[in-house]
Structures are given as C-alpha cells and as structure tokens.
Amino acid sequence: MSKDQILKNTNAKLLDQFNASVMFDKELYAQDIKGSIAHSKMLALQGIITVEDQEKIEAGLLRIKSEIEAGEFEWKIEHEDVHMAIESKLTEYIGDAGGRLHTARSRNDQVATDFALYVQDKTIVIKEKLENLIKTFVDIASKHTETLIPGMTHLQHAQPVNFGFHMLAYANMFKRDYERFVSSYERNNNCPLGSAALAGTPHNIDRFKTSELLGFDAPTACALDTSSNRDFALEILFNISTTMMHISRISEELILWSSYEFGFVKMSDEYATTSSIMPQKKNPDVPELLRGKTGRVYGNLMGLLTVMKGLPLAYNKDTQEDKEGVFDSVATAEISIDILTSVMDTLIINVDAMENACKVGHLSATDLADYLVQKANLPFRTAYYITKDVVAVANKLGKDMSELTIEEIRGANSEVASINDDILEYLNLRNSMNARTSFGGTSTARTQEQVKYFQEWLDGLN
C-alpha cells in the first residue's frame, strides 16, 4: 500500500471517529426504539405501511432492545449514530420491512424526539429525587424548631434563629428546583416526530396519534423550529445547574459546620475520610466533591449555550454536541442529590455547640433597638446608636449582651438610665428568636407552621 493510500485510510478513520456519535448517543437506545415503535404503529394506522410490516418492525425492535440490555449488541462506529445502528440491525433481521420504518421521518426529527424523550424521562427522575431530599430537610427541621443557631449575614453572627428554620431555607430552595423541573416538563412535553427534515412530510401521517403513543401532550407546532430546537436540553441543564448551586451552598455550610472552629455537626464516617498522613483528621470529602461538581455542570450549560448561539435554521451538525453534556449533568445531578440526601439523613447535630455559639456576637442587639423604638418611642437611628453603646459595655466586660445585668445596661448611655428591667426578657436569646413572629419568620411557632406546610405539600405530591 502506498504512502498516499495509507494516509488516505488514516484520514478516513479519523473522519469516521470525528463525525460519528454512536459511541455516546447509544445512551438513547430505549428512546429511539420507543419512538420507532410508535412511528410504525402510526404508519400502519394511516395505511402507509401494512399491519404485517408493522408487527415485524415492532418484534425486531424489541429483539434489538433485549440484545442491547443483555450486552450482546455490537455498536459499530461505521453506523455513525444510534439511529442507523438500530435500523441497520433491524433490516438485517426483517428485510425490506425494516427499510419502510423511516418513511415520513428524518434523522433530524428522530434525534429530536429521542433526546426530548430522554430529557422528559430524566426530568421525572430528578424531580422525584428532589422530593426525597426536601423530605429529609423537613424531617430535620421538624425536630429542631427550638434548637438555637446563630443566623448569619456576611458570615458574621447576626440574630438567633432556630436550626429547623435554617433547614427550611434549603427546603424552600429545593422546592423551587422541584417546581422548575415540573414547569419544564409541562412546557416541553410536545412531540417532534413527524416534522421530518425541516418542513414536514407529504405523507398522510397523524402526528397527534404519534404524540399520544409516546406520552406527549401534543405535536410541536412548527417543523422548522422543531428540527433545530434544543431549548428543552438547555432547560434541564439550567435546572440542574441551579439545583447544584443549592447543593453547593449547603455543602459549604456542612464543611464549615464540621470544622473544629464551628463543631455544629459531625458527618457519618461513610461521607468523610481520614488524611493519608494525619490520622486525627476527618475530612469532609463528600461535601467538597458536591461543591466541586457544581462547576462541572455549569460548564455543560455554557457549552450548549455556546453551540446554539449562532446556528441558522434549521438542523446543523453542531447540535450533535448537545448530548454528552446533558448525559454528564444528568448523571452528576442524580448521584449528587442521592448522596446529599444520605449525608443529611445521617448527620449528627451538636445542639449544645450551636446554642453556645449564639452567645458570641451579641445576637440580641437588634432586640434592644426594637425595644427602644416600641417602648421609649425613640427613632430607630437613635436606638441604633444607644445599642452600640450597650454593645461596647458588653465587650468591655467580656460578656454577651444577653448576659448583661439591668444596671450594666442602664450605665451604658444616659438615655437608658431609667430603662425598665423587662428589657432583660427581650435580650434573652430564645425570646429573641421567638419574637420574630412575622410570616416566614424564625419563631418556633412560625417554623412549625412552615414544617406543617411542607409536610402537607409533600403529602399532596403522592
């Protein structure tokens, strides 16, 4: 063989590898077979193919599905993609009837259908996993509506809240994530099949029947849009990215809380590891990985946005790059939600450490200012500066503000020299937490209301 021929053959193999998607889009085999069976049934109902051919097609496709799931199907790069791999094998098994399957469709609407089915399937899976995660946070919250923890802003001690309230903040985040997946499912539950290459087909097909067979609400409205649309893929990537951002936030808090400086929680040994050279250390490896994987899914979202940003209508080969990022993000989201659910379910909570931390940082300072506004009729700004004076006294005495005597408070500023001793009740940390009774507030009673709301919401999902 000549040098030129060797180079030509090498380049041909490289081009096959570059052009082919079968080694990753085989992930869509179940959706491809499901879509083809529905398409063949519709063709038979419309008299476009015979019932006999449809039965052969369906039996052949189910045989191929069994072979794939048994690991007996050989994926060949020369088949280019999952559609041709399955259709070639089908024709090998049933002859000419297999060649009739592709009537009134194109690989453009076929891949859009397969991918849409996959995204819809995974949307349901992730939604259900989020439901379990939310339930875990609500269960923790229900047990800790009176457990004090420093509420923070700027990572500085701010006001006392209860730990259940803190857990419900995450329950609310993940509930929004759940609702995003629900909304995306409803918005994207339209069937691309029958749009053909870009303009529809002259065959007398029934797209509504195909949609019904595949579980879609209706067919997509415009064939030109359908063949190039990947909004549904972008939506699941965005939804996953937002969910992972929330997972990263609680992971960061778990990392902080499990440190010696905080000591608020201890993770199960299943989800932490020892150092390779420092046996006394217990590293929060799992939350760190959860935090790190967030960047990975962000990259997948930005990748597909970039692929789609300059594409003219209709189908372009660029959209072959739409799948790997989605597959990766879906797998990352599924395992991350499951792992976080288990981490939270086995979390050991140090109630005493949380409550002791509330005695650092004068968390009831705002209560003194509010007291002066309500009881002494002072402007809030004046009350604010008086409170600063009381804080200065507490710092000088090495006390938390909640531990000051009435005499120490009165001596801090002449304007509070005659303050009533009921202020001590206001400065009590637990009373401070329970004073926040506005809707959505941290008081035990309001937190219990929120727990009940979530429990009823979760019950209503089933």
Protein backbone atom coordinates (compact mmCIF):
# COMPACT_ATOMS: atom_id res chain seq x y z
CA MET A 1 0.00 0.00 0.00
CA SER A 2 1.37 3.40 -0.98
CA LYS A 3 2.09 6.17 1.47
CA ASP A 4 -0.75 8.22 -0.03
CA GLN A 5 -3.17 5.32 0.39
CA ILE A 6 -2.11 4.79 4.00
CA LEU A 7 -2.62 8.50 4.70
CA LYS A 8 -5.99 8.45 2.96
CA ASN A 9 -7.15 5.45 5.02
CA THR A 10 -5.90 7.05 8.23
CA ASN A 11 -7.72 10.29 7.45
CA ALA A 12 -10.90 8.34 6.64
CA LYS A 13 -10.77 6.60 10.03
CA LEU A 14 -10.16 9.90 11.77
CA LEU A 15 -13.11 11.44 9.96
CA ASP A 16 -15.32 8.50 10.93
CA GLN A 17 -14.36 9.00 14.58
CA PHE A 18 -14.86 12.75 14.32
CA ASN A 19 -18.22 12.50 12.59
CA ALA A 20 -19.74 9.58 14.48
CA SER A 21 -21.84 9.96 17.62
CA VAL A 22 -22.86 6.33 18.11
CA MET A 23 -20.42 5.68 20.94
CA PHE A 24 -22.19 8.22 23.14
CA ASP A 25 -25.68 8.62 21.69
CA LYS A 26 -26.28 4.90 22.17
CA GLU A 27 -27.45 6.12 25.57
CA LEU A 28 -30.68 6.94 23.73
CA TYR A 29 -31.35 3.39 22.51
CA ALA A 30 -34.50 2.89 24.61
CA GLN A 31 -35.99 6.20 23.48
CA ASP A 32 -35.03 5.50 19.86
CA ILE A 33 -36.76 2.13 19.92
CA LYS A 34 -39.80 3.53 21.71
CA GLY A 35 -40.09 6.32 19.13
CA SER A 36 -39.70 3.90 16.22
CA ILE A 37 -42.38 1.54 17.52
CA ALA A 38 -44.81 4.45 17.94
CA HIS A 39 -43.95 5.74 14.46
CA SER A 40 -44.53 2.33 12.90
CA LYS A 41 -47.90 1.97 14.64
CA MET A 42 -48.99 5.36 13.34
CA LEU A 43 -47.83 4.47 9.81
CA ALA A 44 -49.87 1.27 9.93
CA LEU A 45 -52.96 3.04 11.28
CA GLN A 46 -52.69 5.54 8.41
CA GLY A 47 -52.28 2.76 5.85
CA ILE A 48 -48.80 3.96 4.90
CA ILE A 49 -47.30 0.57 5.76
CA THR A 50 -49.06 -2.77 6.26
CA VAL A 51 -50.02 -4.15 9.64
CA GLU A 52 -47.83 -7.17 8.86
CA ASP A 53 -44.79 -4.98 8.31
CA GLN A 54 -45.54 -3.04 11.48
CA GLU A 55 -45.66 -6.24 13.52
CA LYS A 56 -42.33 -7.35 12.05
CA ILE A 57 -40.81 -3.95 12.81
CA GLU A 58 -42.03 -3.96 16.42
CA ALA A 59 -40.88 -7.53 17.06
CA GLY A 60 -37.48 -6.78 15.53
CA LEU A 61 -37.03 -3.62 17.56
CA LEU A 62 -37.94 -5.40 20.80
CA ARG A 63 -35.42 -8.14 19.94
CA ILE A 64 -32.73 -5.49 19.44
CA LYS A 65 -33.67 -3.82 22.74
CA SER A 66 -33.24 -7.14 24.56
CA GLU A 67 -29.85 -7.66 22.93
CA ILE A 68 -28.67 -4.19 23.92
CA GLU A 69 -29.77 -4.66 27.51
CA ALA A 70 -28.10 -8.08 27.64
CA GLY A 71 -24.85 -6.58 26.35
CA GLU A 72 -24.99 -8.64 23.16
CA PHE A 73 -25.43 -5.81 20.65
CA GLU A 74 -22.31 -4.71 18.78
CA TRP A 75 -22.05 -0.96 18.35
CA LYS A 76 -20.03 -0.10 15.25
CA ILE A 77 -18.58 3.32 14.55
CA GLU A 78 -19.36 2.98 10.84
CA HIS A 79 -23.05 3.15 11.69
CA GLU A 80 -22.45 6.79 12.70
CA ASP A 81 -25.28 7.14 15.22
CA VAL A 82 -27.72 5.18 17.36
CA HIS A 83 -30.49 5.50 14.76
CA MET A 84 -28.53 3.91 11.93
CA ALA A 85 -27.09 1.25 14.23
CA ILE A 86 -30.56 0.09 15.23
CA GLU A 87 -32.12 0.48 11.77
CA SER A 88 -29.29 -1.47 10.12
CA LYS A 89 -29.69 -4.34 12.54
CA LEU A 90 -33.48 -4.22 12.12
CA THR A 91 -33.18 -4.51 8.33
CA GLU A 92 -30.72 -7.37 8.79
CA TYR A 93 -33.33 -9.20 10.90
CA ILE A 94 -36.57 -8.48 8.98
CA GLY A 95 -35.51 -7.45 5.50
CA ASP A 96 -37.43 -4.88 3.44
CA ALA A 97 -39.94 -4.18 6.20
CA GLY A 98 -37.11 -2.62 8.21
CA GLY A 99 -36.42 -0.18 5.39
CA ARG A 100 -40.03 1.04 5.48
CA LEU A 101 -39.71 2.26 9.07
CA HIS A 102 -38.04 5.52 8.05
CA THR A 103 -40.98 6.57 5.86
CA ALA A 104 -42.24 10.09 6.73
CA ARG A 105 -39.45 10.95 9.13
CA SER A 106 -35.86 12.20 9.08
CA ARG A 107 -32.96 11.68 11.42
CA ASN A 108 -33.48 15.35 12.29
CA ASP A 109 -36.88 14.84 13.91
CA GLN A 110 -35.90 11.34 15.07
CA VAL A 111 -32.97 12.56 17.15
CA ALA A 112 -35.01 15.49 18.47
CA THR A 113 -37.68 13.01 19.60
CA ASP A 114 -35.21 10.60 21.19
CA PHE A 115 -33.48 13.42 23.03
CA ALA A 116 -36.75 15.02 24.13
CA LEU A 117 -37.97 11.68 25.48
CA TYR A 118 -34.69 11.23 27.36
CA VAL A 119 -34.87 14.71 28.87
CA GLN A 120 -38.50 14.22 29.88
CA ASP A 121 -37.70 10.84 31.45
CA LYS A 122 -34.77 12.27 33.40
CA THR A 123 -36.77 15.31 34.44
CA ILE A 124 -39.17 12.98 36.24
CA VAL A 125 -36.31 11.02 37.84
CA ILE A 126 -34.57 14.14 39.15
CA LYS A 127 -37.87 15.64 40.32
CA GLU A 128 -38.57 12.53 42.40
CA LYS A 129 -35.08 12.59 43.89
CA LEU A 130 -35.59 16.23 44.86
CA GLU A 131 -38.80 15.26 46.59
CA ASN A 132 -36.86 12.83 48.79
CA LEU A 133 -34.22 15.46 49.51
CA ILE A 134 -36.83 18.04 50.52
CA LYS A 135 -38.46 15.49 52.82
CA THR A 136 -35.11 14.91 54.53
CA PHE A 137 -34.65 18.63 55.23
CA VAL A 138 -38.23 18.91 56.51
CA ASP A 139 -37.75 15.91 58.80
CA ILE A 140 -34.65 17.53 60.31
CA ALA A 141 -36.48 20.84 60.65
CA SER A 142 -39.40 19.23 62.47
CA LYS A 143 -37.02 18.01 65.21
CA HIS A 144 -35.17 21.31 65.69
CA THR A 145 -37.74 24.10 65.87
CA GLU A 146 -36.34 25.15 69.26
CA THR A 147 -32.63 24.47 68.66
CA LEU A 148 -30.79 27.80 68.57
CA ILE A 149 -28.11 28.54 65.95
CA PRO A 150 -26.53 31.86 65.02
CA GLY A 151 -28.21 33.33 61.98
CA MET A 152 -25.52 35.00 59.89
CA THR A 153 -25.03 37.69 57.31
CA HIS A 154 -21.60 38.18 55.70
CA LEU A 155 -20.68 35.01 57.66
CA GLN A 156 -20.89 37.12 60.83
CA HIS A 157 -23.19 36.38 63.76
CA ALA A 158 -26.35 38.42 63.26
CA GLN A 159 -29.54 37.20 65.01
CA PRO A 160 -30.59 34.00 66.76
CA VAL A 161 -32.66 31.60 64.67
CA ASN A 162 -33.65 28.01 65.15
CA PHE A 163 -31.92 25.21 63.26
CA GLY A 164 -35.22 23.98 61.84
CA PHE A 165 -35.71 27.42 60.28
CA HIS A 166 -32.25 27.15 58.72
CA MET A 167 -33.07 23.73 57.28
CA LEU A 168 -36.33 25.03 55.85
CA ALA A 169 -34.40 27.69 53.94
CA TYR A 170 -32.85 24.82 51.97
CA ALA A 171 -36.19 23.04 51.69
CA ASN A 172 -37.52 26.19 50.01
CA MET A 173 -34.56 26.31 47.61
CA PHE A 174 -35.01 22.70 46.57
CA LYS A 175 -38.77 23.17 46.30
CA ARG A 176 -38.15 25.90 43.73
CA ASP A 177 -35.86 23.48 41.91
CA TYR A 178 -38.60 20.84 42.00
CA GLU A 179 -41.08 23.32 40.56
CA ARG A 180 -38.66 24.29 37.79
CA PHE A 181 -38.44 20.66 36.68
CA VAL A 182 -42.23 20.35 36.79
CA SER A 183 -42.65 23.52 34.74
CA SER A 184 -40.04 22.41 32.20
CA TYR A 185 -41.70 19.04 31.80
CA GLU A 186 -45.07 20.65 31.09
CA ARG A 187 -43.63 23.24 28.70
CA ASN A 188 -41.56 20.75 26.72
CA ASN A 189 -43.99 17.84 26.53
CA ASN A 190 -44.52 18.17 22.79
CA CYS A 191 -43.60 15.56 20.18
CA PRO A 192 -41.08 16.45 17.44
CA LEU A 193 -41.69 13.29 15.39
CA GLY A 194 -43.29 13.92 12.02
CA SER A 195 -41.57 17.26 11.49
CA ALA A 196 -39.19 15.38 9.17
CA ALA A 197 -36.07 17.20 7.99
CA LEU A 198 -37.38 20.74 8.46
CA ALA A 199 -40.68 21.26 6.60
CA GLY A 200 -42.96 18.35 7.44
CA THR A 201 -43.81 15.49 5.07
CA PRO A 202 -46.23 14.90 2.16
CA HIS A 203 -47.25 11.55 3.65
CA ASN A 204 -50.65 11.40 5.33
CA ILE A 205 -49.32 10.99 8.86
CA ASP A 206 -51.14 11.59 12.15
CA ARG A 207 -48.76 13.47 14.43
CA PHE A 208 -51.35 13.67 17.18
CA LYS A 209 -51.53 9.88 17.29
CA THR A 210 -47.76 9.58 17.46
CA SER A 211 -47.72 12.11 20.29
CA GLU A 212 -50.36 10.14 22.17
CA LEU A 213 -48.46 6.86 21.74
CA LEU A 214 -45.28 8.42 23.11
CA GLY A 215 -46.94 10.15 26.06
CA PHE A 216 -46.57 13.70 24.78
CA ASP A 217 -49.38 16.20 25.17
CA ALA A 218 -49.34 17.27 21.51
CA PRO A 219 -47.07 17.54 18.50
CA THR A 220 -44.73 20.51 18.18
CA ALA A 221 -46.29 23.36 16.24
CA CYS A 222 -43.63 24.30 13.68
CA ALA A 223 -41.47 21.79 11.84
CA LEU A 224 -38.80 24.38 11.04
CA ASP A 225 -38.34 25.26 14.71
CA THR A 226 -38.60 21.64 15.83
CA SER A 227 -35.68 20.23 13.86
CA SER A 228 -33.19 22.65 15.44
CA ASN A 229 -34.77 23.28 18.84
CA ARG A 230 -32.71 22.30 21.88
CA ASP A 231 -34.36 24.58 24.42
CA PHE A 232 -35.52 21.54 26.36
CA ALA A 233 -31.89 20.41 26.72
CA LEU A 234 -30.82 23.88 27.80
CA GLU A 235 -33.63 23.95 30.36
CA ILE A 236 -32.61 20.72 32.02
CA LEU A 237 -29.00 21.93 32.09
CA PHE A 238 -30.10 25.21 33.69
CA ASN A 239 -32.36 23.44 36.16
CA ILE A 240 -29.56 21.07 37.12
CA SER A 241 -27.09 23.95 37.42
CA THR A 242 -29.40 25.81 39.80
CA THR A 243 -30.01 22.67 41.83
CA MET A 244 -26.28 22.02 42.04
CA MET A 245 -25.71 25.62 43.12
CA HIS A 246 -28.07 24.98 46.04
CA ILE A 247 -26.33 21.68 46.77
CA SER A 248 -23.02 23.54 46.75
CA ARG A 249 -24.32 26.07 49.27
CA ILE A 250 -25.41 23.51 51.83
CA SER A 251 -22.17 21.60 51.16
CA GLU A 252 -20.19 24.72 52.03
CA GLU A 253 -22.10 25.07 55.29
CA LEU A 254 -21.54 21.41 56.13
CA ILE A 255 -17.82 21.90 55.53
CA LEU A 256 -17.77 24.94 57.82
CA TRP A 257 -20.04 23.43 60.46
CA SER A 258 -17.98 20.23 60.70
CA SER A 259 -14.73 22.13 61.36
CA TYR A 260 -13.30 22.45 64.88
CA GLU A 261 -14.00 26.19 64.75
CA PHE A 262 -17.74 25.52 64.49
CA GLY A 263 -18.31 21.96 65.65
CA PHE A 264 -22.03 22.23 64.87
CA VAL A 265 -22.30 18.91 63.02
CA LYS A 266 -20.48 15.65 62.54
CA MET A 267 -20.79 13.67 59.33
CA SER A 268 -21.13 9.92 59.25
CA ASP A 269 -17.86 8.09 58.59
CA GLU A 270 -19.40 6.96 55.29
CA TYR A 271 -19.20 10.52 53.99
CA ALA A 272 -15.87 11.70 55.42
CA THR A 273 -12.32 10.36 55.19
CA THR A 274 -9.14 10.49 57.21
CA SER A 275 -5.99 12.18 55.99
CA SER A 276 -3.35 9.98 54.34
CA ILE A 277 -0.71 11.19 56.82
CA MET A 278 -2.69 12.80 59.67
CA PRO A 279 -4.84 10.12 61.33
CA GLN A 280 -6.53 12.61 63.66
CA LYS A 281 -8.22 14.41 60.74
CA LYS A 282 -11.65 13.72 59.37
CA ASN A 283 -12.05 15.45 56.02
CA PRO A 284 -15.44 16.45 54.56
CA ASP A 285 -14.55 14.95 51.17
CA VAL A 286 -18.10 14.25 50.04
CA PRO A 287 -19.44 17.81 50.52
CA GLU A 288 -16.27 19.09 48.88
CA LEU A 289 -16.92 16.89 45.85
CA LEU A 290 -20.53 18.04 45.71
CA ARG A 291 -19.32 21.62 45.77
CA GLY A 292 -16.75 20.90 43.07
CA LYS A 293 -19.13 19.11 40.71
CA THR A 294 -21.22 22.26 40.50
CA GLY A 295 -18.57 23.83 38.26
CA ARG A 296 -18.76 20.79 36.01
CA VAL A 297 -22.47 21.20 35.30
CA TYR A 298 -22.08 24.95 34.81
CA GLY A 299 -19.57 24.12 32.08
CA ASN A 300 -22.04 21.82 30.35
CA LEU A 301 -24.69 24.55 30.33
CA MET A 302 -22.30 27.15 28.94
CA GLY A 303 -21.07 24.64 26.36
CA LEU A 304 -24.51 24.05 24.86
CA LEU A 305 -25.46 27.73 25.02
CA THR A 306 -22.33 28.45 23.02
CA VAL A 307 -23.07 25.71 20.49
CA MET A 308 -26.58 27.05 19.88
CA LYS A 309 -25.89 30.78 19.87
CA GLY A 310 -25.11 31.27 16.16
CA LEU A 311 -26.94 28.47 14.38
CA PRO A 312 -29.15 29.35 11.41
CA LEU A 313 -32.33 27.40 10.85
CA ALA A 314 -32.81 24.52 10.58
CA TYR A 315 -30.75 21.48 11.58
CA ASN A 316 -26.96 21.80 11.77
CA LYS A 317 -24.41 19.14 12.63
CA ASP A 318 -23.24 21.32 15.51
CA THR A 319 -26.17 20.04 17.54
CA GLN A 320 -24.51 16.64 17.71
CA GLU A 321 -22.60 18.31 20.56
CA ASP A 322 -25.81 18.65 22.57
CA LYS A 323 -25.90 15.24 24.24
CA GLU A 324 -22.70 14.43 26.12
CA GLY A 325 -23.01 17.46 28.40
CA VAL A 326 -26.63 16.62 29.18
CA PHE A 327 -25.80 12.97 29.87
CA ASP A 328 -22.97 14.06 32.18
CA SER A 329 -25.03 16.68 34.03
CA VAL A 330 -27.96 14.30 34.50
CA ALA A 331 -25.69 11.60 35.93
CA THR A 332 -23.99 14.17 38.17
CA ALA A 333 -27.32 15.53 39.43
CA GLU A 334 -28.79 12.10 40.13
CA ILE A 335 -25.88 10.88 42.24
CA SER A 336 -25.36 14.28 43.92
CA ILE A 337 -28.96 14.53 45.10
CA ASP A 338 -28.90 10.95 46.38
CA ILE A 339 -25.59 11.50 48.18
CA LEU A 340 -26.71 14.76 49.79
CA THR A 341 -29.95 13.10 50.93
CA SER A 342 -27.93 10.36 52.66
CA VAL A 343 -25.46 12.87 54.16
CA MET A 344 -28.29 14.87 55.70
CA ASP A 345 -30.17 11.79 56.82
CA THR A 346 -27.14 10.55 58.80
CA LEU A 347 -25.95 13.95 60.03
CA ILE A 348 -25.11 14.20 63.75
CA ILE A 349 -26.18 17.60 65.09
CA ASN A 350 -24.39 19.16 68.07
CA VAL A 351 -27.19 21.16 69.66
CA ASP A 352 -25.05 22.44 72.55
CA ALA A 353 -22.34 23.81 70.25
CA MET A 354 -24.93 25.65 68.17
CA GLU A 355 -26.58 27.20 71.21
CA ASN A 356 -23.25 28.18 72.79
CA ALA A 357 -22.25 29.90 69.56
CA CYS A 358 -25.32 32.11 69.92
CA LYS A 359 -23.68 33.69 72.97
CA VAL A 360 -20.97 35.18 70.78
CA GLY A 361 -21.60 38.32 68.76
CA HIS A 362 -24.47 39.94 70.68
CA LEU A 363 -27.21 38.36 68.60
CA SER A 364 -30.00 40.09 70.53
CA ALA A 365 -28.67 43.61 69.84
CA THR A 366 -31.44 44.32 67.35
CA ASP A 367 -33.97 43.44 70.04
CA LEU A 368 -32.70 46.27 72.23
CA ALA A 369 -33.06 48.73 69.35
CA ASP A 370 -36.57 47.44 68.58
CA TYR A 371 -37.47 47.70 72.29
CA LEU A 372 -36.37 51.35 72.42
CA VAL A 373 -38.39 52.14 69.30
CA GLN A 374 -41.53 50.43 70.64
CA LYS A 375 -41.36 51.23 74.36
CA ALA A 376 -39.42 54.53 74.50
CA ASN A 377 -40.75 55.91 71.20
CA LEU A 378 -37.23 56.70 70.02
CA PRO A 379 -36.32 57.00 66.33
CA PHE A 380 -34.68 53.79 65.14
CA ARG A 381 -31.44 55.56 64.28
CA THR A 382 -31.18 56.93 67.84
CA ALA A 383 -31.96 53.49 69.22
CA TYR A 384 -29.27 52.05 66.96
CA TYR A 385 -26.54 54.28 68.47
CA ILE A 386 -27.69 53.61 72.03
CA THR A 387 -27.47 49.90 71.29
CA LYS A 388 -23.91 50.37 70.04
CA ASP A 389 -23.03 51.87 73.43
CA VAL A 390 -24.52 48.86 75.22
CA VAL A 391 -22.56 46.53 72.94
CA ALA A 392 -19.37 48.42 73.81
CA VAL A 393 -20.05 47.90 77.52
CA ALA A 394 -20.66 44.18 76.97
CA ASN A 395 -17.38 43.89 75.05
CA LYS A 396 -15.52 45.71 77.81
CA LEU A 397 -16.97 43.35 80.43
CA GLY A 398 -16.31 40.27 78.30
CA LYS A 399 -19.98 39.34 78.26
CA ASP A 400 -22.56 38.63 75.63
CA MET A 401 -25.25 41.29 75.54
CA SER A 402 -27.84 38.73 76.63
CA GLU A 403 -25.84 38.23 79.87
CA LEU A 404 -25.76 41.89 80.99
CA THR A 405 -27.48 42.99 84.20
CA ILE A 406 -30.03 45.79 84.17
CA GLU A 407 -27.51 48.06 85.94
CA GLU A 408 -24.88 47.44 83.26
CA ILE A 409 -27.36 48.30 80.54
CA ARG A 410 -28.53 51.47 82.28
CA GLY A 411 -24.94 52.63 82.75
CA ALA A 412 -24.11 52.38 79.06
CA ASN A 413 -25.99 55.50 77.96
CA SER A 414 -27.84 58.26 79.80
CA GLU A 415 -30.91 57.82 77.60
CA VAL A 416 -31.49 54.33 79.00
CA ALA A 417 -30.66 55.19 82.63
CA SER A 418 -34.26 54.53 83.62
CA ILE A 419 -34.99 51.65 81.25
CA ASN A 420 -37.40 49.03 82.64
CA ASP A 421 -35.91 45.72 83.69
CA ASP A 422 -38.26 43.88 81.33
CA ILE A 423 -35.59 44.57 78.70
CA LEU A 424 -33.75 41.55 80.05
CA GLU A 425 -36.53 39.33 78.73
CA TYR A 426 -36.17 40.91 75.30
CA LEU A 427 -32.43 40.26 75.26
CA ASN A 428 -32.84 36.59 76.16
CA LEU A 429 -31.65 34.65 73.09
CA ARG A 430 -34.55 32.23 72.94
CA ASN A 431 -37.04 35.05 73.47
CA SER A 432 -35.29 36.99 70.71
CA MET A 433 -35.70 34.07 68.33
CA ASN A 434 -39.34 33.60 69.28
CA ALA A 435 -40.09 37.31 68.95
CA ARG A 436 -39.80 37.07 65.17
CA THR A 437 -43.38 36.06 64.52
CA SER A 438 -43.92 37.72 61.16
CA PHE A 439 -44.97 35.39 58.36
CA GLY A 440 -41.91 33.42 57.30
CA GLY A 441 -40.08 34.36 60.48
CA THR A 442 -37.89 32.20 62.70
CA SER A 443 -40.04 31.85 65.81
CA THR A 444 -40.68 28.27 66.85
CA ALA A 445 -44.39 28.70 66.17
CA ARG A 446 -43.78 30.08 62.66
CA THR A 447 -41.21 27.38 61.93
CA GLN A 448 -43.69 24.71 62.99
CA GLU A 449 -46.22 26.27 60.62
CA GLN A 450 -43.69 26.05 57.81
CA VAL A 451 -42.92 22.43 58.65
CA LYS A 452 -46.63 21.64 58.53
CA TYR A 453 -46.96 23.43 55.19
CA PHE A 454 -44.13 21.37 53.71
CA GLN A 455 -45.48 18.13 55.13
CA GLU A 456 -48.88 18.82 53.57
CA TRP A 457 -47.24 19.84 50.28
CA LEU A 458 -45.21 16.63 50.20
CA ASP A 459 -48.29 14.55 51.02
CA GLY A 460 -50.12 16.24 48.16
CA LEU A 461 -47.50 15.09 45.66
CA ASN A 462 -48.40 11.44 46.17
